[in-house]
């Protein structure tokens, strides 16, 4: 499984960064890669097992369906992408929040994934990782701007 990680220092308390992640249904308010998000029918609001759909296109034709597979309140959120229109398989996202002081924290975002097409997909990894890293940096930056704006 391949892995890509990005981190960002945020000028806000770790509790506020966590609150933005824990507002599970509303990731589209700060993730610029997503046009809409909503809880799946019957899902809890957050916590272990909560499920959502994130639309990558406004018409819903490209999407991710995600489930929280590990939940450590205030610290760690592991999200299993169990269905997607993206050409990936076995995708897992990990958000971790670490306090750096009373009004500073670090947000880390990692993606672990298996590329499609077996050996051919593995050959494509050197091209895929930089693109994925750029998309992930937008996620972390979007969260930072959202949280810092709310904290101001």
Foldseek 3Di string as FASTA:
>chain_A
DDKAKDKDKFQAFLLLLLVLVQQPQPLVQQQVQFPHKGWDPPADRGDAFTWMKTARDPVSPWIWIWGFHDDDRSFKTKIFRCDTPDQWPRKIKMWGWAGPDRRMIMIMIMIDTHGPDPPVRVVCVVVPRVVVNVSVVSSNVSSSVVSNVVVD
